[in-house]
Amino acid sequence: MKKAVLLDIDGVLWWQGALLPEAAETLLWLQNSGIPYRLLTNRASATAAEMAAELLAAGLAQAGVGLTADMVINPASMARQQIADSGLTNWQVLVPETLVPEFTHWQIEDWQQAKGLLLADIGNGWDYQTLNQCLQFLLENPQAPWLVLGLTRYYINSEQQARLDIGAFVKALEYASGRQAEVMGKPAAGFFRQAAVSMGYRLEDCLMVGDDWLTDVLAAEAAGVKGVLLRTGKYRPGDELQCPQARVMDALAELRAPGILVTGSATGGSWLAE
């Protein structure tokens, strides 16, 4: 049985508005080799369909890659299912404007009527008033569900500057409230499991390729997925020391090297990730 590949988007396939070198070629190779793959992202600024369309327009379609929205796994879909399963209809939802339509069925404006809290990175929308509103809700409603879309520590903006992401604000609220958020994206093991199950695979039959040693690689390994750290995107020299069990690659093209994923024919290969 062939193994499956999980790939981060930002920093692995995409960076600062453009496809990274060998992104299209590698996805096409996976496709032509019959190796299932999914794209995993914590990005909350776009829906899965929007991200798929963005990647296709940037060059994947021209290269012949058949990417569809269901091949992009993002925290929003996991959160929608979790909210629906909770049976609660009144949620305080703080997400980017692009994601608001996905949660309008449950969203309310009145903090006093809220029965659950959903957070994502809202960029400049974070201020002391908003953080304190979240803290007050968590303290006053210790049993209310608290979901967050990802736990990414920081991202790199178009000026190559590091900027705080949702993970930093969640950790502050966890410390202040004494409560732990339920993570819907990376590094939650359930997020990797969702991607594996969508292909009909077990976690141990998957390989995760990412540029973040913590939320991509160590998180995947903790879930039972073999990890590959790519020296692109937000990678910084020395990151590989934080995940010594992972294979380290300088470029995505190395994934196609003999002995990494497939040996022999395209239908009878073997996986040699060690």
C-alpha atoms as a PDB file:
ATOM      1  CA  MET A   1       0.000   0.000   0.000  1.00  0.00           C
ATOM      2  CA  LYS A   2       1.326   3.414  -0.921  1.00  0.00           C
ATOM      3  CA  LYS A   3       1.888   6.007   1.750  1.00  0.00           C
ATOM      4  CA  ALA A   4       0.310   9.459   1.817  1.00  0.00           C
ATOM      5  CA  VAL A   5       1.861  12.914   2.100  1.00  0.00           C
ATOM      6  CA  LEU A   6       0.711  15.905   4.141  1.00  0.00           C
ATOM      7  CA  LEU A   7       2.147  19.290   3.158  1.00  0.00           C
ATOM      8  CA  ASP A   8       1.976  22.663   4.835  1.00  0.00           C
ATOM      9  CA  ILE A   9       1.060  25.466   2.425  1.00  0.00           C
ATOM     10  CA  ASP A  10       2.744  28.656   3.634  1.00  0.00           C
ATOM     11  CA  GLY A  11       6.497  28.220   3.587  1.00  0.00           C
ATOM     12  CA  VAL A  12       6.385  24.885   1.744  1.00  0.00           C
ATOM     13  CA  LEU A  13       4.293  25.449  -1.387  1.00  0.00           C
ATOM     14  CA  TRP A  14       3.546  29.151  -1.164  1.00  0.00           C
ATOM     15  CA  TRP A  15       5.410  32.202   0.108  1.00  0.00           C
ATOM     16  CA  GLN A  16       4.561  35.881   0.003  1.00  0.00           C
ATOM     17  CA  GLY A  17       1.998  35.632  -2.772  1.00  0.00           C
ATOM     18  CA  ALA A  18       3.699  33.161  -5.100  1.00  0.00           C
ATOM     19  CA  LEU A  19       4.374  29.460  -5.503  1.00  0.00           C
ATOM     20  CA  LEU A  20       7.740  28.325  -4.213  1.00  0.00           C
ATOM     21  CA  PRO A  21      10.167  26.604  -6.614  1.00  0.00           C
ATOM     22  CA  GLU A  22       9.233  22.998  -7.388  1.00  0.00           C
ATOM     23  CA  ALA A  23       5.835  23.271  -5.704  1.00  0.00           C
ATOM     24  CA  ALA A  24       3.855  22.593  -8.867  1.00  0.00           C
ATOM     25  CA  GLU A  25       6.322  19.979 -10.100  1.00  0.00           C
ATOM     26  CA  THR A  26       6.242  18.091  -6.793  1.00  0.00           C
ATOM     27  CA  LEU A  27       2.452  18.035  -6.542  1.00  0.00           C
ATOM     28  CA  LEU A  28       2.221  16.893 -10.156  1.00  0.00           C
ATOM     29  CA  TRP A  29       4.752  14.136  -9.427  1.00  0.00           C
ATOM     30  CA  LEU A  30       2.710  12.980  -6.423  1.00  0.00           C
ATOM     31  CA  GLN A  31      -0.412  13.016  -8.573  1.00  0.00           C
ATOM     32  CA  ASN A  32       1.169  11.083 -11.453  1.00  0.00           C
ATOM     33  CA  SER A  33       2.774   8.600  -9.041  1.00  0.00           C
ATOM     34  CA  GLY A  34      -0.583   7.835  -7.471  1.00  0.00           C
ATOM     35  CA  ILE A  35       0.536   9.065  -4.054  1.00  0.00           C
ATOM     36  CA  PRO A  36      -2.390  10.654  -2.140  1.00  0.00           C
ATOM     37  CA  TYR A  37      -1.725  14.018  -0.538  1.00  0.00           C
ATOM     38  CA  ARG A  38      -3.470  16.746   1.413  1.00  0.00           C
ATOM     39  CA  LEU A  39      -2.498  20.350   2.066  1.00  0.00           C
ATOM     40  CA  LEU A  40      -2.690  21.320   5.754  1.00  0.00           C
ATOM     41  CA  THR A  41      -2.829  24.933   6.834  1.00  0.00           C
ATOM     42  CA  ASN A  42      -3.680  27.010   9.884  1.00  0.00           C
ATOM     43  CA  ARG A  43      -4.344  30.049   7.716  1.00  0.00           C
ATOM     44  CA  ALA A  44      -7.636  31.642   8.743  1.00  0.00           C
ATOM     45  CA  SER A  45      -7.678  34.454   6.203  1.00  0.00           C
ATOM     46  CA  ALA A  46      -9.321  32.359   3.468  1.00  0.00           C
ATOM     47  CA  THR A  47     -11.598  29.366   3.021  1.00  0.00           C
ATOM     48  CA  ALA A  48     -10.343  26.037   1.695  1.00  0.00           C
ATOM     49  CA  ALA A  49     -11.997  26.754  -1.653  1.00  0.00           C
ATOM     50  CA  GLU A  50     -10.356  30.178  -1.857  1.00  0.00           C
ATOM     51  CA  MET A  51      -6.921  28.742  -1.051  1.00  0.00           C
ATOM     52  CA  ALA A  52      -7.291  25.998  -3.647  1.00  0.00           C
ATOM     53  CA  ALA A  53      -8.347  28.546  -6.261  1.00  0.00           C
ATOM     54  CA  GLU A  54      -5.420  30.806  -5.318  1.00  0.00           C
ATOM     55  CA  LEU A  55      -2.893  27.999  -5.751  1.00  0.00           C
ATOM     56  CA  LEU A  56      -4.428  26.847  -9.024  1.00  0.00           C
ATOM     57  CA  ALA A  57      -4.392  30.365 -10.454  1.00  0.00           C
ATOM     58  CA  ALA A  58      -0.767  30.853  -9.338  1.00  0.00           C
ATOM     59  CA  GLY A  59       0.457  28.013 -11.538  1.00  0.00           C
ATOM     60  CA  LEU A  60      -0.842  24.644 -10.342  1.00  0.00           C
ATOM     61  CA  ALA A  61      -3.596  24.506 -12.963  1.00  0.00           C
ATOM     62  CA  GLN A  62      -1.195  25.369 -15.771  1.00  0.00           C
ATOM     63  CA  ALA A  63       1.135  22.612 -14.583  1.00  0.00           C
ATOM     64  CA  GLY A  64      -1.701  20.099 -14.682  1.00  0.00           C
ATOM     65  CA  VAL A  65      -2.223  19.661 -10.935  1.00  0.00           C
ATOM     66  CA  GLY A  66      -5.788  18.629 -10.110  1.00  0.00           C
ATOM     67  CA  LEU A  67      -6.179  20.341  -6.743  1.00  0.00           C
ATOM     68  CA  THR A  68      -9.693  20.545  -5.284  1.00  0.00           C
ATOM     69  CA  ALA A  69     -11.043  22.298  -2.186  1.00  0.00           C
ATOM     70  CA  ASP A  70     -11.503  19.023  -0.304  1.00  0.00           C
ATOM     71  CA  MET A  71      -7.761  18.424  -0.575  1.00  0.00           C
ATOM     72  CA  VAL A  72      -7.099  21.546   1.521  1.00  0.00           C
ATOM     73  CA  ILE A  73      -7.568  20.810   5.226  1.00  0.00           C
ATOM     74  CA  ASN A  74      -8.006  23.910   7.359  1.00  0.00           C
ATOM     75  CA  PRO A  75      -9.230  24.411  10.952  1.00  0.00           C
ATOM     76  CA  ALA A  76     -12.511  26.057   9.947  1.00  0.00           C
ATOM     77  CA  SER A  77     -14.095  22.827   8.703  1.00  0.00           C
ATOM     78  CA  MET A  78     -13.077  21.017  11.899  1.00  0.00           C
ATOM     79  CA  ALA A  79     -14.501  23.859  14.007  1.00  0.00           C
ATOM     80  CA  ARG A  80     -17.825  23.882  12.138  1.00  0.00           C
ATOM     81  CA  GLN A  81     -18.268  20.185  12.828  1.00  0.00           C
ATOM     82  CA  GLN A  82     -17.314  20.630  16.492  1.00  0.00           C
ATOM     83  CA  ILE A  83     -19.782  23.495  16.931  1.00  0.00           C
ATOM     84  CA  ALA A  84     -22.562  21.559  15.207  1.00  0.00           C
ATOM     85  CA  ASP A  85     -21.892  18.531  17.409  1.00  0.00           C
ATOM     86  CA  SER A  86     -22.009  20.677  20.560  1.00  0.00           C
ATOM     87  CA  GLY A  87     -25.662  21.530  20.024  1.00  0.00           C
ATOM     88  CA  LEU A  88     -24.993  25.086  21.186  1.00  0.00           C
ATOM     89  CA  THR A  89     -26.375  27.866  19.002  1.00  0.00           C
ATOM     90  CA  ASN A  90     -24.966  31.009  20.639  1.00  0.00           C
ATOM     91  CA  TRP A  91     -21.258  31.479  19.998  1.00  0.00           C
ATOM     92  CA  GLN A  92     -19.030  34.506  20.272  1.00  0.00           C
ATOM     93  CA  VAL A  93     -16.990  34.245  17.069  1.00  0.00           C
ATOM     94  CA  LEU A  94     -13.807  36.261  16.487  1.00  0.00           C
ATOM     95  CA  VAL A  95     -12.456  35.289  13.069  1.00  0.00           C
ATOM     96  CA  PRO A  96     -11.264  37.166   9.954  1.00  0.00           C
ATOM     97  CA  GLU A  97     -14.034  38.662   7.814  1.00  0.00           C
ATOM     98  CA  THR A  98     -13.492  36.052   5.096  1.00  0.00           C
ATOM     99  CA  LEU A  99     -14.505  33.266   7.498  1.00  0.00           C
ATOM    100  CA  VAL A 100     -17.491  34.996   9.105  1.00  0.00           C
ATOM    101  CA  PRO A 101     -20.010  33.548   6.593  1.00  0.00           C
ATOM    102  CA  GLU A 102     -18.989  30.020   7.617  1.00  0.00           C
ATOM    103  CA  PHE A 103     -20.155  30.634  11.193  1.00  0.00           C
ATOM    104  CA  THR A 104     -23.118  33.006  10.833  1.00  0.00           C
ATOM    105  CA  HIS A 105     -25.548  30.231  11.818  1.00  0.00           C
ATOM    106  CA  TRP A 106     -24.090  30.203  15.344  1.00  0.00           C
ATOM    107  CA  GLN A 107     -22.626  33.697  15.782  1.00  0.00           C
ATOM    108  CA  ILE A 108     -24.103  36.272  18.147  1.00  0.00           C
ATOM    109  CA  GLU A 109     -22.842  39.719  19.084  1.00  0.00           C
ATOM    110  CA  ASP A 110     -23.903  39.811  22.735  1.00  0.00           C
ATOM    111  CA  TRP A 111     -21.169  38.457  25.021  1.00  0.00           C
ATOM    112  CA  GLN A 112     -23.732  37.959  27.800  1.00  0.00           C
ATOM    113  CA  GLN A 113     -25.733  35.520  25.684  1.00  0.00           C
ATOM    114  CA  ALA A 114     -22.749  33.546  24.361  1.00  0.00           C
ATOM    115  CA  LYS A 115     -22.438  29.869  25.301  1.00  0.00           C
ATOM    116  CA  GLY A 116     -19.179  29.192  23.476  1.00  0.00           C
ATOM    117  CA  LEU A 117     -16.097  31.049  22.207  1.00  0.00           C
ATOM    118  CA  LEU A 118     -14.350  30.619  18.851  1.00  0.00           C
ATOM    119  CA  LEU A 119     -11.092  32.464  18.144  1.00  0.00           C
ATOM    120  CA  ALA A 120      -8.801  32.844  15.146  1.00  0.00           C
ATOM    121  CA  ASP A 121      -6.107  35.347  14.287  1.00  0.00           C
ATOM    122  CA  ILE A 122      -7.823  38.680  13.636  1.00  0.00           C
ATOM    123  CA  GLY A 123      -4.646  40.679  12.964  1.00  0.00           C
ATOM    124  CA  ASN A 124      -4.963  44.285  14.045  1.00  0.00           C
ATOM    125  CA  GLY A 125      -8.303  43.463  15.614  1.00  0.00           C
ATOM    126  CA  TRP A 126      -6.456  42.266  18.700  1.00  0.00           C
ATOM    127  CA  ASP A 127      -6.349  44.901  21.432  1.00  0.00           C
ATOM    128  CA  TYR A 128      -6.607  44.949  25.232  1.00  0.00           C
ATOM    129  CA  GLN A 129     -10.365  45.436  25.150  1.00  0.00           C
ATOM    130  CA  THR A 130     -10.896  42.362  22.971  1.00  0.00           C
ATOM    131  CA  LEU A 131      -8.479  40.231  24.972  1.00  0.00           C
ATOM    132  CA  ASN A 132     -10.119  41.296  28.227  1.00  0.00           C
ATOM    133  CA  GLN A 133     -13.570  40.488  26.848  1.00  0.00           C
ATOM    134  CA  CYS A 134     -12.334  36.987  26.020  1.00  0.00           C
ATOM    135  CA  LEU A 135     -10.763  36.638  29.467  1.00  0.00           C
ATOM    136  CA  GLN A 136     -13.940  37.798  31.226  1.00  0.00           C
ATOM    137  CA  PHE A 137     -16.020  35.301  29.273  1.00  0.00           C
ATOM    138  CA  LEU A 138     -13.671  32.422  30.100  1.00  0.00           C
ATOM    139  CA  LEU A 139     -13.654  33.282  33.802  1.00  0.00           C
ATOM    140  CA  GLU A 140     -17.418  33.717  34.019  1.00  0.00           C
ATOM    141  CA  ASN A 141     -18.188  30.607  31.943  1.00  0.00           C
ATOM    142  CA  PRO A 142     -15.694  27.955  33.101  1.00  0.00           C
ATOM    143  CA  GLN A 143     -17.650  25.128  31.430  1.00  0.00           C
ATOM    144  CA  ALA A 144     -18.234  26.846  28.079  1.00  0.00           C
ATOM    145  CA  PRO A 145     -16.390  25.364  25.090  1.00  0.00           C
ATOM    146  CA  TRP A 146     -13.446  27.395  23.815  1.00  0.00           C
ATOM    147  CA  LEU A 147     -12.203  26.596  20.321  1.00  0.00           C
ATOM    148  CA  VAL A 148      -9.240  28.154  18.499  1.00  0.00           C
ATOM    149  CA  LEU A 149      -8.323  27.857  14.828  1.00  0.00           C
ATOM    150  CA  GLY A 150      -4.696  26.810  15.078  1.00  0.00           C
ATOM    151  CA  LEU A 151      -1.918  27.556  17.526  1.00  0.00           C
ATOM    152  CA  THR A 152       0.672  29.120  15.217  1.00  0.00           C
ATOM    153  CA  ARG A 153       3.169  31.210  17.168  1.00  0.00           C
ATOM    154  CA  TYR A 154       3.990  33.808  14.508  1.00  0.00           C
ATOM    155  CA  TYR A 155       3.977  34.453  10.790  1.00  0.00           C
ATOM    156  CA  ILE A 156       6.249  36.388   8.417  1.00  0.00           C
ATOM    157  CA  ASN A 157       4.676  39.366   6.651  1.00  0.00           C
ATOM    158  CA  SER A 158       5.481  40.759   3.208  1.00  0.00           C
ATOM    159  CA  GLU A 159       8.275  42.892   4.729  1.00  0.00           C
ATOM    160  CA  GLN A 160       9.904  39.721   6.094  1.00  0.00           C
ATOM    161  CA  GLN A 161       9.023  40.764   9.633  1.00  0.00           C
ATOM    162  CA  ALA A 162       7.779  38.351  12.296  1.00  0.00           C
ATOM    163  CA  ARG A 163       4.274  39.086  13.570  1.00  0.00           C
ATOM    164  CA  LEU A 164       2.374  37.479  16.461  1.00  0.00           C
ATOM    165  CA  ASP A 165      -0.201  34.891  15.410  1.00  0.00           C
ATOM    166  CA  ILE A 166      -3.167  33.373  17.259  1.00  0.00           C
ATOM    167  CA  GLY A 167      -0.991  31.052  19.365  1.00  0.00           C
ATOM    168  CA  ALA A 168       0.545  33.942  21.296  1.00  0.00           C
ATOM    169  CA  PHE A 169      -2.848  35.381  22.260  1.00  0.00           C
ATOM    170  CA  VAL A 170      -4.260  31.971  23.155  1.00  0.00           C
ATOM    171  CA  LYS A 171      -1.324  31.241  25.471  1.00  0.00           C
ATOM    172  CA  ALA A 172      -1.837  34.587  27.215  1.00  0.00           C
ATOM    173  CA  LEU A 173      -5.528  33.813  27.737  1.00  0.00           C
ATOM    174  CA  GLU A 174      -4.766  30.278  28.927  1.00  0.00           C
ATOM    175  CA  TYR A 175      -2.327  31.621  31.505  1.00  0.00           C
ATOM    176  CA  ALA A 176      -4.701  34.309  32.727  1.00  0.00           C
ATOM    177  CA  SER A 177      -7.844  32.150  32.819  1.00  0.00           C
ATOM    178  CA  GLY A 178      -6.334  28.876  33.960  1.00  0.00           C
ATOM    179  CA  ARG A 179      -8.201  27.176  31.111  1.00  0.00           C
ATOM    180  CA  GLN A 180      -6.881  25.334  28.068  1.00  0.00           C
ATOM    181  CA  ALA A 181      -8.244  25.990  24.590  1.00  0.00           C
ATOM    182  CA  GLU A 182      -9.331  23.194  22.287  1.00  0.00           C
ATOM    183  CA  VAL A 183      -7.220  23.510  19.165  1.00  0.00           C
ATOM    184  CA  MET A 184      -8.879  22.866  15.805  1.00  0.00           C
ATOM    185  CA  GLY A 185      -5.769  23.109  13.620  1.00  0.00           C
ATOM    186  CA  LYS A 186      -2.089  22.315  14.023  1.00  0.00           C
ATOM    187  CA  PRO A 187      -0.645  21.156  16.418  1.00  0.00           C
ATOM    188  CA  ALA A 188      -3.729  19.132  17.447  1.00  0.00           C
ATOM    189  CA  ALA A 189      -3.426  15.413  16.686  1.00  0.00           C
ATOM    190  CA  GLY A 190      -7.047  15.392  15.552  1.00  0.00           C
ATOM    191  CA  PHE A 191      -6.195  17.767  12.728  1.00  0.00           C
ATOM    192  CA  PHE A 192      -3.609  15.378  11.287  1.00  0.00           C
ATOM    193  CA  ARG A 193      -6.022  12.496  11.844  1.00  0.00           C
ATOM    194  CA  GLN A 194      -8.732  14.308   9.892  1.00  0.00           C
ATOM    195  CA  ALA A 195      -6.379  14.690   6.927  1.00  0.00           C
ATOM    196  CA  ALA A 196      -5.288  11.044   7.048  1.00  0.00           C
ATOM    197  CA  VAL A 197      -8.846   9.732   7.333  1.00  0.00           C
ATOM    198  CA  SER A 198      -9.945  11.863   4.366  1.00  0.00           C
ATOM    199  CA  MET A 199      -7.572   9.738   2.232  1.00  0.00           C
ATOM    200  CA  GLY A 200      -8.405   6.444   3.915  1.00  0.00           C
ATOM    201  CA  TYR A 201      -5.011   6.220   5.611  1.00  0.00           C
ATOM    202  CA  ARG A 202      -3.675   5.727   9.120  1.00  0.00           C
ATOM    203  CA  LEU A 203      -1.514   8.400  10.741  1.00  0.00           C
ATOM    204  CA  GLU A 204       1.525   6.105  10.750  1.00  0.00           C
ATOM    205  CA  ASP A 205       1.174   5.741   6.980  1.00  0.00           C
ATOM    206  CA  CYS A 206       1.612   9.481   6.396  1.00  0.00           C
ATOM    207  CA  LEU A 207       4.552  11.863   6.019  1.00  0.00           C
ATOM    208  CA  MET A 208       4.270  15.534   7.030  1.00  0.00           C
ATOM    209  CA  VAL A 209       6.355  18.205   5.275  1.00  0.00           C
ATOM    210  CA  GLY A 210       6.553  21.607   6.971  1.00  0.00           C
ATOM    211  CA  ASP A 211       8.720  24.638   7.648  1.00  0.00           C
ATOM    212  CA  ASP A 212       7.724  25.075  11.323  1.00  0.00           C
ATOM    213  CA  TRP A 213       9.588  22.665  13.608  1.00  0.00           C
ATOM    214  CA  LEU A 214       6.944  22.946  16.327  1.00  0.00           C
ATOM    215  CA  THR A 215       3.446  23.075  14.824  1.00  0.00           C
ATOM    216  CA  ASP A 216       4.310  21.129  11.662  1.00  0.00           C
ATOM    217  CA  VAL A 217       7.015  18.621  12.505  1.00  0.00           C
ATOM    218  CA  LEU A 218       6.966  17.912  16.254  1.00  0.00           C
ATOM    219  CA  ALA A 219       3.183  18.057  16.299  1.00  0.00           C
ATOM    220  CA  ALA A 220       2.963  15.563  13.449  1.00  0.00           C
ATOM    221  CA  GLU A 221       5.453  13.243  15.116  1.00  0.00           C
ATOM    222  CA  ALA A 222       3.485  13.397  18.378  1.00  0.00           C
ATOM    223  CA  ALA A 223       0.435  12.287  16.414  1.00  0.00           C
ATOM    224  CA  GLY A 224       2.317   9.343  14.913  1.00  0.00           C
ATOM    225  CA  VAL A 225       3.216  10.913  11.563  1.00  0.00           C
ATOM    226  CA  LYS A 226       6.786  10.930  10.251  1.00  0.00           C
ATOM    227  CA  GLY A 227       8.099  14.472   9.853  1.00  0.00           C
ATOM    228  CA  VAL A 228      10.163  16.351   7.292  1.00  0.00           C
ATOM    229  CA  LEU A 229      11.512  19.817   8.111  1.00  0.00           C
ATOM    230  CA  LEU A 230      11.997  21.982   5.037  1.00  0.00           C
ATOM    231  CA  ARG A 231      14.606  24.750   5.138  1.00  0.00           C
ATOM    232  CA  THR A 232      12.268  27.257   3.488  1.00  0.00           C
ATOM    233  CA  GLY A 233       9.596  29.712   4.652  1.00  0.00           C
ATOM    234  CA  LYS A 234       9.902  30.564   8.353  1.00  0.00           C
ATOM    235  CA  TYR A 235      12.727  28.059   8.942  1.00  0.00           C
ATOM    236  CA  ARG A 236      15.637  29.477  10.944  1.00  0.00           C
ATOM    237  CA  PRO A 237      19.111  27.950  11.235  1.00  0.00           C
ATOM    238  CA  GLY A 238      19.172  25.549  14.158  1.00  0.00           C
ATOM    239  CA  ASP A 239      15.488  24.611  13.969  1.00  0.00           C
ATOM    240  CA  GLU A 240      16.478  21.062  13.041  1.00  0.00           C
ATOM    241  CA  LEU A 241      17.972  20.649  16.515  1.00  0.00           C
ATOM    242  CA  GLN A 242      14.454  20.993  17.924  1.00  0.00           C
ATOM    243  CA  CYS A 243      13.167  17.986  15.958  1.00  0.00           C
ATOM    244  CA  PRO A 244      16.112  15.549  15.752  1.00  0.00           C
ATOM    245  CA  GLN A 245      13.968  12.619  14.573  1.00  0.00           C
ATOM    246  CA  ALA A 246      12.823  14.429  11.432  1.00  0.00           C
ATOM    247  CA  ARG A 247      14.395  14.250   7.998  1.00  0.00           C
ATOM    248  CA  VAL A 248      15.666  17.685   6.925  1.00  0.00           C
ATOM    249  CA  MET A 249      15.492  18.891   3.324  1.00  0.00           C
ATOM    250  CA  ASP A 250      16.829  22.026   1.663  1.00  0.00           C
ATOM    251  CA  ALA A 251      14.221  22.040  -1.082  1.00  0.00           C
ATOM    252  CA  LEU A 252      10.850  20.473  -1.772  1.00  0.00           C
ATOM    253  CA  ALA A 253      12.265  18.814  -4.879  1.00  0.00           C
ATOM    254  CA  GLU A 254      14.187  16.418  -2.605  1.00  0.00           C
ATOM    255  CA  LEU A 255      10.887  14.715  -1.855  1.00  0.00           C
ATOM    256  CA  ARG A 256      11.052  13.252  -5.356  1.00  0.00           C
ATOM    257  CA  ALA A 257      14.532  11.777  -4.885  1.00  0.00           C
ATOM    258  CA  PRO A 258      14.841   7.977  -5.206  1.00  0.00           C
ATOM    259  CA  GLY A 259      14.367   6.178  -1.897  1.00  0.00           C
ATOM    260  CA  ILE A 260      12.398   8.939  -0.135  1.00  0.00           C
ATOM    261  CA  LEU A 261       8.847   8.051  -1.073  1.00  0.00           C
ATOM    262  CA  VAL A 262       8.772   5.718  -4.023  1.00  0.00           C
ATOM    263  CA  THR A 263      11.111   3.095  -5.385  1.00  0.00           C
ATOM    264  CA  GLY A 264      10.310   0.875  -8.326  1.00  0.00           C
ATOM    265  CA  SER A 265       7.155   1.380 -10.389  1.00  0.00           C
ATOM    266  CA  ALA A 266       4.540   4.048  -9.836  1.00  0.00           C
ATOM    267  CA  THR A 267       2.093   1.414  -8.641  1.00  0.00           C
ATOM    268  CA  GLY A 268       4.319  -0.764  -6.485  1.00  0.00           C
ATOM    269  CA  GLY A 269       6.610   1.600  -4.650  1.00  0.00           C
ATOM    270  CA  SER A 270       7.769   1.557  -1.069  1.00  0.00           C
ATOM    271  CA  TRP A 271       8.257   4.243   1.536  1.00  0.00           C
ATOM    272  CA  LEU A 272      11.723   4.863   2.879  1.00  0.00           C
ATOM    273  CA  ALA A 273      11.500   7.964   5.019  1.00  0.00           C
ATOM    274  CA  GLU A 274      14.144   7.019   7.588  1.00  0.00           C
END
